[in-house]
Amino acid sequence: MSYQTSIEWTDSTWNPIIGCNKVSQGCKHCYAETLAERFRGVPGHPFERGFDLRLVPSKLDEPLKWKRAKKIFTCSMSDLFHEAVPVEYIERVFETMNRASWHTFQVLTKRSRRLLALSSRLNWTSNIWIGVSIENADNANRAVDLSQVPASIRFISAEPLLGPIPSLPLDGISWVIVGGESGVKSRPMEIAWARDIQKQCRHRKVAYFLKQLGGRIDKRGGAQAKLDGRRWIEFPLTAIA
């Protein structure tokens, strides 16, 4: 069976890698780390080692067993392009995505330089979407690296959005997801930041998805995630319905 998720822009998650480490401000309150560390030391639990990076080869073939087409957030509990993940293992993950052509795989990384450096070695079948996380203007250049990757769909996740990004590089980008941070230590997102990105997307004809407004108690997602009186739940044109 597949792993269902409450993440609004995908259907399921697949984690042939678990664990990561912080590289920028967007990682400060990492939801994946918080979840994994709850179970550190629990014998036999998938997160027995907390958020320590490790490969999980037993999960490499999972999507091949899921017969109904899905949008699959790949490595939701890690970063496929983490420096400690061997190139050969990344290639094995891609081989599964290549074979499971009926699914759409959504891969998200903060390590755009390694992504770009390895991109020519990988088989970018049209069912693989690749994105970068950009939380503020300091990291906007990740999108420039992304634009050079030969994928059919390139996207940006501006979540958690921690500051204005007045000049988001959108060359070659098909989709932008925006979201505020949630949790007891969440840092606020100003609605003006989300509105400005929406205007940039509209000007460049880029699909815009407002996932959540964020908050300490309620992430204000779903029907509450409105900008100027409406929900923004756009997908790239090739998305699975």
C-alpha atoms as a PDB file:
ATOM      1  CA  MET A   1       0.000   0.000   0.000  1.00  0.00           C
ATOM      2  CA  SER A   2       1.125   3.573  -0.580  1.00  0.00           C
ATOM      3  CA  TYR A   3       1.737   6.164   2.114  1.00  0.00           C
ATOM      4  CA  GLN A   4      -1.023   8.758   2.149  1.00  0.00           C
ATOM      5  CA  THR A   5      -0.207  12.299   3.199  1.00  0.00           C
ATOM      6  CA  SER A   6      -1.998  15.473   4.205  1.00  0.00           C
ATOM      7  CA  ILE A   7       0.338  17.576   2.042  1.00  0.00           C
ATOM      8  CA  GLU A   8      -2.091  19.326  -0.274  1.00  0.00           C
ATOM      9  CA  TRP A   9      -0.050  19.312  -3.471  1.00  0.00           C
ATOM     10  CA  THR A  10       0.731  15.595  -3.583  1.00  0.00           C
ATOM     11  CA  ASP A  11      -0.946  12.208  -3.009  1.00  0.00           C
ATOM     12  CA  SER A  12       1.652   9.977  -1.376  1.00  0.00           C
ATOM     13  CA  THR A  13       5.190   9.966  -0.017  1.00  0.00           C
ATOM     14  CA  TRP A  14       8.104   7.653  -0.763  1.00  0.00           C
ATOM     15  CA  ASN A  15      11.253   7.612   1.338  1.00  0.00           C
ATOM     16  CA  PRO A  16      14.135   5.457   0.082  1.00  0.00           C
ATOM     17  CA  ILE A  17      16.307   7.806   2.186  1.00  0.00           C
ATOM     18  CA  ILE A  18      15.677   9.062   5.723  1.00  0.00           C
ATOM     19  CA  GLY A  19      17.437  11.864   7.567  1.00  0.00           C
ATOM     20  CA  CYS A  20      19.154  15.109   6.719  1.00  0.00           C
ATOM     21  CA  ASN A  21      20.923  18.115   8.264  1.00  0.00           C
ATOM     22  CA  LYS A  22      20.270  21.834   8.252  1.00  0.00           C
ATOM     23  CA  VAL A  23      21.656  24.011   5.459  1.00  0.00           C
ATOM     24  CA  SER A  24      19.693  27.294   5.709  1.00  0.00           C
ATOM     25  CA  GLN A  25      17.091  29.189   7.729  1.00  0.00           C
ATOM     26  CA  GLY A  26      14.220  27.233   6.239  1.00  0.00           C
ATOM     27  CA  CYS A  27      15.524  24.126   8.013  1.00  0.00           C
ATOM     28  CA  LYS A  28      15.427  25.634  11.506  1.00  0.00           C
ATOM     29  CA  HIS A  29      12.098  24.064  12.512  1.00  0.00           C
ATOM     30  CA  CYS A  30      12.179  21.075  10.134  1.00  0.00           C
ATOM     31  CA  TYR A  31       8.930  19.108  10.396  1.00  0.00           C
ATOM     32  CA  ALA A  32      10.634  15.902   9.250  1.00  0.00           C
ATOM     33  CA  GLU A  33      13.309  16.135  11.923  1.00  0.00           C
ATOM     34  CA  THR A  34      10.714  16.856  14.608  1.00  0.00           C
ATOM     35  CA  LEU A  35       8.715  13.793  13.583  1.00  0.00           C
ATOM     36  CA  ALA A  36      11.696  11.456  13.306  1.00  0.00           C
ATOM     37  CA  GLU A  37      13.309  12.456  16.594  1.00  0.00           C
ATOM     38  CA  ARG A  38      10.155  11.535  18.528  1.00  0.00           C
ATOM     39  CA  PHE A  39      10.972   7.902  17.893  1.00  0.00           C
ATOM     40  CA  ARG A  40      14.743   7.886  18.367  1.00  0.00           C
ATOM     41  CA  GLY A  41      15.723   4.831  20.348  1.00  0.00           C
ATOM     42  CA  VAL A  42      12.448   2.971  19.835  1.00  0.00           C
ATOM     43  CA  PRO A  43      13.584  -0.559  18.832  1.00  0.00           C
ATOM     44  CA  GLY A  44      12.381  -1.616  15.395  1.00  0.00           C
ATOM     45  CA  HIS A  45      10.736   1.701  14.558  1.00  0.00           C
ATOM     46  CA  PRO A  46      11.524   3.193  11.108  1.00  0.00           C
ATOM     47  CA  PHE A  47      12.914   6.239  12.949  1.00  0.00           C
ATOM     48  CA  GLU A  48      14.812   4.288  15.587  1.00  0.00           C
ATOM     49  CA  ARG A  49      17.895   6.309  14.606  1.00  0.00           C
ATOM     50  CA  GLY A  50      16.003   9.568  14.640  1.00  0.00           C
ATOM     51  CA  PHE A  51      16.920  11.918  11.818  1.00  0.00           C
ATOM     52  CA  ASP A  52      20.376  10.470  11.188  1.00  0.00           C
ATOM     53  CA  LEU A  53      20.913  10.101   7.438  1.00  0.00           C
ATOM     54  CA  ARG A  54      20.562   6.573   6.142  1.00  0.00           C
ATOM     55  CA  LEU A  55      19.686   4.797   2.931  1.00  0.00           C
ATOM     56  CA  VAL A  56      16.705   2.440   2.876  1.00  0.00           C
ATOM     57  CA  PRO A  57      17.278   0.103  -0.112  1.00  0.00           C
ATOM     58  CA  SER A  58      14.319  -2.080   0.866  1.00  0.00           C
ATOM     59  CA  LYS A  59      12.028   0.776  -0.212  1.00  0.00           C
ATOM     60  CA  LEU A  60      13.547   1.361  -3.634  1.00  0.00           C
ATOM     61  CA  ASP A  61      10.926  -0.688  -5.498  1.00  0.00           C
ATOM     62  CA  GLU A  62       7.855   0.459  -3.540  1.00  0.00           C
ATOM     63  CA  PRO A  63       6.294   2.701  -6.212  1.00  0.00           C
ATOM     64  CA  LEU A  64       6.397  -0.178  -8.707  1.00  0.00           C
ATOM     65  CA  LYS A  65       3.848  -1.964  -6.514  1.00  0.00           C
ATOM     66  CA  TRP A  66       1.413   0.967  -6.482  1.00  0.00           C
ATOM     67  CA  LYS A  67      -0.742   0.404  -9.535  1.00  0.00           C
ATOM     68  CA  ARG A  68      -2.959   3.483  -9.380  1.00  0.00           C
ATOM     69  CA  ALA A  69      -1.297   6.614 -10.762  1.00  0.00           C
ATOM     70  CA  LYS A  70      -0.259   9.044  -8.041  1.00  0.00           C
ATOM     71  CA  LYS A  71       1.676  12.228  -7.461  1.00  0.00           C
ATOM     72  CA  ILE A  72       4.487  11.038  -5.162  1.00  0.00           C
ATOM     73  CA  PHE A  73       6.551  13.378  -2.988  1.00  0.00           C
ATOM     74  CA  THR A  74       9.936  11.656  -3.167  1.00  0.00           C
ATOM     75  CA  CYS A  75      12.271  11.818  -0.145  1.00  0.00           C
ATOM     76  CA  SER A  76       9.839  13.850   1.956  1.00  0.00           C
ATOM     77  CA  MET A  77      11.911  12.836   5.004  1.00  0.00           C
ATOM     78  CA  SER A  78      15.297  13.651   3.481  1.00  0.00           C
ATOM     79  CA  ASP A  79      17.035  15.311   0.528  1.00  0.00           C
ATOM     80  CA  LEU A  80      17.851  13.102  -2.441  1.00  0.00           C
ATOM     81  CA  PHE A  81      20.811  15.324  -3.328  1.00  0.00           C
ATOM     82  CA  HIS A  82      22.351  15.361   0.144  1.00  0.00           C
ATOM     83  CA  GLU A  83      26.145  15.252  -0.091  1.00  0.00           C
ATOM     84  CA  ALA A  84      26.290  11.934   1.794  1.00  0.00           C
ATOM     85  CA  VAL A  85      23.995  10.106  -0.627  1.00  0.00           C
ATOM     86  CA  PRO A  86      26.157   8.204  -3.159  1.00  0.00           C
ATOM     87  CA  VAL A  87      25.631   9.049  -6.808  1.00  0.00           C
ATOM     88  CA  GLU A  88      25.002   5.380  -7.532  1.00  0.00           C
ATOM     89  CA  TYR A  89      22.121   5.355  -5.072  1.00  0.00           C
ATOM     90  CA  ILE A  90      20.604   8.488  -6.594  1.00  0.00           C
ATOM     91  CA  GLU A  91      20.765   6.726  -9.960  1.00  0.00           C
ATOM     92  CA  ARG A  92      18.896   3.734  -8.479  1.00  0.00           C
ATOM     93  CA  VAL A  93      16.147   6.046  -7.222  1.00  0.00           C
ATOM     94  CA  PHE A  94      15.901   7.527 -10.713  1.00  0.00           C
ATOM     95  CA  GLU A  95      15.738   4.062 -12.255  1.00  0.00           C
ATOM     96  CA  THR A  96      12.654   3.314 -10.186  1.00  0.00           C
ATOM     97  CA  MET A  97      11.066   6.619 -11.186  1.00  0.00           C
ATOM     98  CA  ASN A  98      11.888   5.925 -14.833  1.00  0.00           C
ATOM     99  CA  ARG A  99      10.271   2.475 -14.649  1.00  0.00           C
ATOM    100  CA  ALA A 100       7.169   3.633 -12.750  1.00  0.00           C
ATOM    101  CA  SER A 101       6.069   5.805 -15.651  1.00  0.00           C
ATOM    102  CA  TRP A 102       2.413   5.935 -14.584  1.00  0.00           C
ATOM    103  CA  HIS A 103       3.308   7.980 -11.483  1.00  0.00           C
ATOM    104  CA  THR A 104       4.436  11.595 -11.219  1.00  0.00           C
ATOM    105  CA  PHE A 105       7.420  11.971  -8.882  1.00  0.00           C
ATOM    106  CA  GLN A 106       7.913  15.314  -7.133  1.00  0.00           C
ATOM    107  CA  VAL A 107      11.490  15.725  -5.872  1.00  0.00           C
ATOM    108  CA  LEU A 108      12.424  18.709  -3.720  1.00  0.00           C
ATOM    109  CA  THR A 109      15.951  19.756  -2.691  1.00  0.00           C
ATOM    110  CA  LYS A 110      17.803  22.621  -1.058  1.00  0.00           C
ATOM    111  CA  ARG A 111      21.073  21.389  -2.551  1.00  0.00           C
ATOM    112  CA  SER A 112      20.686  22.925  -5.978  1.00  0.00           C
ATOM    113  CA  ARG A 113      24.392  22.943  -6.797  1.00  0.00           C
ATOM    114  CA  ARG A 114      24.716  19.191  -6.425  1.00  0.00           C
ATOM    115  CA  LEU A 115      21.466  18.724  -8.312  1.00  0.00           C
ATOM    116  CA  LEU A 116      22.863  20.697 -11.235  1.00  0.00           C
ATOM    117  CA  ALA A 117      26.255  18.988 -11.080  1.00  0.00           C
ATOM    118  CA  LEU A 118      24.671  15.525 -11.300  1.00  0.00           C
ATOM    119  CA  SER A 119      21.792  16.336 -13.625  1.00  0.00           C
ATOM    120  CA  SER A 120      23.548  15.211 -16.809  1.00  0.00           C
ATOM    121  CA  ARG A 121      24.070  11.731 -15.329  1.00  0.00           C
ATOM    122  CA  LEU A 122      20.381  11.175 -14.645  1.00  0.00           C
ATOM    123  CA  ASN A 123      17.514  10.069 -16.873  1.00  0.00           C
ATOM    124  CA  TRP A 124      14.896  12.814 -16.718  1.00  0.00           C
ATOM    125  CA  THR A 125      11.791  11.045 -17.943  1.00  0.00           C
ATOM    126  CA  SER A 126       8.750  13.307 -18.214  1.00  0.00           C
ATOM    127  CA  ASN A 127       7.146  11.949 -15.025  1.00  0.00           C
ATOM    128  CA  ILE A 128       9.890  13.436 -12.826  1.00  0.00           C
ATOM    129  CA  TRP A 129       9.307  16.941 -11.492  1.00  0.00           C
ATOM    130  CA  ILE A 130      12.228  18.606  -9.762  1.00  0.00           C
ATOM    131  CA  GLY A 131      12.010  21.519  -7.355  1.00  0.00           C
ATOM    132  CA  VAL A 132      14.081  23.630  -4.994  1.00  0.00           C
ATOM    133  CA  SER A 133      13.144  25.141  -1.634  1.00  0.00           C
ATOM    134  CA  ILE A 134      13.581  28.910  -1.417  1.00  0.00           C
ATOM    135  CA  GLU A 135      12.613  30.513   1.900  1.00  0.00           C
ATOM    136  CA  ASN A 136      13.881  34.055   1.319  1.00  0.00           C
ATOM    137  CA  ALA A 137      15.769  36.249  -1.124  1.00  0.00           C
ATOM    138  CA  ASP A 138      19.140  35.011   0.150  1.00  0.00           C
ATOM    139  CA  ASN A 139      18.490  31.613  -1.444  1.00  0.00           C
ATOM    140  CA  ALA A 140      16.703  32.710  -4.607  1.00  0.00           C
ATOM    141  CA  ASN A 141      19.705  31.701  -6.710  1.00  0.00           C
ATOM    142  CA  ARG A 142      18.757  28.054  -6.187  1.00  0.00           C
ATOM    143  CA  ALA A 143      16.176  28.648  -8.915  1.00  0.00           C
ATOM    144  CA  VAL A 144      18.927  29.655 -11.351  1.00  0.00           C
ATOM    145  CA  ASP A 145      20.598  26.267 -10.820  1.00  0.00           C
ATOM    146  CA  LEU A 146      17.231  24.563 -11.178  1.00  0.00           C
ATOM    147  CA  SER A 147      16.487  26.275 -14.480  1.00  0.00           C
ATOM    148  CA  GLN A 148      19.443  24.451 -16.064  1.00  0.00           C
ATOM    149  CA  VAL A 149      18.211  20.968 -15.129  1.00  0.00           C
ATOM    150  CA  PRO A 150      16.632  19.126 -18.110  1.00  0.00           C
ATOM    151  CA  ALA A 151      13.378  18.138 -16.369  1.00  0.00           C
ATOM    152  CA  SER A 152       9.896  18.470 -17.892  1.00  0.00           C
ATOM    153  CA  ILE A 153       8.564  20.327 -14.841  1.00  0.00           C
ATOM    154  CA  ARG A 154      10.694  22.548 -12.590  1.00  0.00           C
ATOM    155  CA  PHE A 155       9.131  24.061  -9.485  1.00  0.00           C
ATOM    156  CA  ILE A 156       9.855  26.186  -6.437  1.00  0.00           C
ATOM    157  CA  SER A 157       8.654  25.597  -2.893  1.00  0.00           C
ATOM    158  CA  ALA A 158       8.681  28.908  -1.036  1.00  0.00           C
ATOM    159  CA  GLU A 159       7.806  27.215   2.249  1.00  0.00           C
ATOM    160  CA  PRO A 160       8.315  28.280   4.886  1.00  0.00           C
ATOM    161  CA  LEU A 161       8.312  31.731   3.314  1.00  0.00           C
ATOM    162  CA  LEU A 162      10.413  33.780   5.738  1.00  0.00           C
ATOM    163  CA  GLY A 163      10.802  37.061   3.884  1.00  0.00           C
ATOM    164  CA  PRO A 164       9.963  38.917   0.688  1.00  0.00           C
ATOM    165  CA  ILE A 165      11.424  37.669  -2.592  1.00  0.00           C
ATOM    166  CA  PRO A 166      10.908  40.649  -4.896  1.00  0.00           C
ATOM    167  CA  SER A 167      12.774  39.106  -7.840  1.00  0.00           C
ATOM    168  CA  LEU A 168      12.088  35.383  -7.802  1.00  0.00           C
ATOM    169  CA  PRO A 169      13.960  33.809 -10.765  1.00  0.00           C
ATOM    170  CA  LEU A 170      11.176  32.221 -12.807  1.00  0.00           C
ATOM    171  CA  ASP A 171      12.965  31.446 -16.073  1.00  0.00           C
ATOM    172  CA  GLY A 172      12.143  27.830 -16.914  1.00  0.00           C
ATOM    173  CA  ILE A 173       9.910  27.414 -13.847  1.00  0.00           C
ATOM    174  CA  SER A 174       6.417  25.898 -14.206  1.00  0.00           C
ATOM    175  CA  TRP A 175       5.052  26.023 -10.671  1.00  0.00           C
ATOM    176  CA  VAL A 176       5.510  27.845  -7.358  1.00  0.00           C
ATOM    177  CA  ILE A 177       4.201  26.622  -3.996  1.00  0.00           C
ATOM    178  CA  VAL A 178       3.979  29.161  -1.156  1.00  0.00           C
ATOM    179  CA  GLY A 179       3.349  28.448   2.498  1.00  0.00           C
ATOM    180  CA  GLY A 180       3.805  29.932   5.941  1.00  0.00           C
ATOM    181  CA  GLU A 181       5.585  28.070   8.705  1.00  0.00           C
ATOM    182  CA  SER A 182       3.481  26.156  11.234  1.00  0.00           C
ATOM    183  CA  GLY A 183       4.095  24.892  14.754  1.00  0.00           C
ATOM    184  CA  VAL A 184       4.634  26.368  18.201  1.00  0.00           C
ATOM    185  CA  LYS A 185       7.858  28.085  17.130  1.00  0.00           C
ATOM    186  CA  SER A 186       6.633  29.220  13.738  1.00  0.00           C
ATOM    187  CA  ARG A 187       7.931  32.429  12.216  1.00  0.00           C
ATOM    188  CA  PRO A 188       5.170  34.566  10.665  1.00  0.00           C
ATOM    189  CA  MET A 189       4.632  34.982   6.936  1.00  0.00           C
ATOM    190  CA  GLU A 190       3.336  38.360   5.826  1.00  0.00           C
ATOM    191  CA  ILE A 191       0.512  38.078   3.321  1.00  0.00           C
ATOM    192  CA  ALA A 192       2.165  40.796   1.223  1.00  0.00           C
ATOM    193  CA  TRP A 193       5.069  38.433   0.528  1.00  0.00           C
ATOM    194  CA  ALA A 194       2.700  35.735  -0.769  1.00  0.00           C
ATOM    195  CA  ARG A 195       0.764  38.300  -2.816  1.00  0.00           C
ATOM    196  CA  ASP A 196       3.916  39.628  -4.457  1.00  0.00           C
ATOM    197  CA  ILE A 197       4.986  36.132  -5.531  1.00  0.00           C
ATOM    198  CA  GLN A 198       1.497  35.482  -6.903  1.00  0.00           C
ATOM    199  CA  LYS A 199       1.763  38.628  -9.018  1.00  0.00           C
ATOM    200  CA  GLN A 200       5.176  37.569 -10.305  1.00  0.00           C
ATOM    201  CA  CYS A 201       3.752  34.168 -11.244  1.00  0.00           C
ATOM    202  CA  ARG A 202       0.740  35.699 -12.970  1.00  0.00           C
ATOM    203  CA  HIS A 203       3.012  37.991 -14.997  1.00  0.00           C
ATOM    204  CA  ARG A 204       5.169  35.035 -16.087  1.00  0.00           C
ATOM    205  CA  LYS A 205       2.240  32.587 -16.530  1.00  0.00           C
ATOM    206  CA  VAL A 206       3.564  30.279 -13.818  1.00  0.00           C
ATOM    207  CA  ALA A 207       1.136  28.101 -11.825  1.00  0.00           C
ATOM    208  CA  TYR A 208       0.731  29.277  -8.211  1.00  0.00           C
ATOM    209  CA  PHE A 209      -0.290  27.155  -5.221  1.00  0.00           C
ATOM    210  CA  LEU A 210      -0.865  28.776  -1.827  1.00  0.00           C
ATOM    211  CA  LYS A 211      -0.577  25.827   0.567  1.00  0.00           C
ATOM    212  CA  GLN A 212      -1.050  27.453   3.965  1.00  0.00           C
ATOM    213  CA  LEU A 213      -0.755  30.758   5.782  1.00  0.00           C
ATOM    214  CA  GLY A 214       1.037  29.235   8.783  1.00  0.00           C
ATOM    215  CA  GLY A 215       0.605  29.737  12.497  1.00  0.00           C
ATOM    216  CA  ARG A 216       1.508  28.467  15.942  1.00  0.00           C
ATOM    217  CA  ILE A 217      -1.670  26.473  16.561  1.00  0.00           C
ATOM    218  CA  ASP A 218      -3.448  26.148  13.210  1.00  0.00           C
ATOM    219  CA  LYS A 219      -1.409  26.109  10.012  1.00  0.00           C
ATOM    220  CA  ARG A 220      -4.418  27.774   8.279  1.00  0.00           C
ATOM    221  CA  GLY A 221      -4.332  25.489   5.303  1.00  0.00           C
ATOM    222  CA  GLY A 222      -7.110  24.103   3.127  1.00  0.00           C
ATOM    223  CA  ALA A 223     -10.140  26.376   2.917  1.00  0.00           C
ATOM    224  CA  GLN A 224      -8.428  28.915   5.182  1.00  0.00           C
ATOM    225  CA  ALA A 225      -5.504  29.416   2.815  1.00  0.00           C
ATOM    226  CA  LYS A 226      -6.946  32.366   0.948  1.00  0.00           C
ATOM    227  CA  LEU A 227      -5.276  35.318  -0.706  1.00  0.00           C
ATOM    228  CA  ASP A 228      -7.464  38.297  -1.583  1.00  0.00           C
ATOM    229  CA  GLY A 229     -10.619  36.276  -1.004  1.00  0.00           C
ATOM    230  CA  ARG A 230      -9.818  33.199  -3.062  1.00  0.00           C
ATOM    231  CA  ARG A 231      -7.875  29.967  -2.927  1.00  0.00           C
ATOM    232  CA  TRP A 232      -4.909  29.452  -5.216  1.00  0.00           C
ATOM    233  CA  ILE A 233      -4.516  25.771  -6.048  1.00  0.00           C
ATOM    234  CA  GLU A 234      -3.001  25.817  -9.511  1.00  0.00           C
ATOM    235  CA  PHE A 235      -0.894  22.948 -10.895  1.00  0.00           C
ATOM    236  CA  PRO A 236       1.301  22.673 -13.974  1.00  0.00           C
ATOM    237  CA  LEU A 237      -0.733  21.602 -16.979  1.00  0.00           C
ATOM    238  CA  THR A 238       0.673  18.050 -17.004  1.00  0.00           C
ATOM    239  CA  ALA A 239      -0.341  17.281 -13.397  1.00  0.00           C
ATOM    240  CA  ILE A 240      -2.258  14.112 -12.570  1.00  0.00           C
ATOM    241  CA  ALA A 241      -5.856  14.983 -11.652  1.00  0.00           C
END
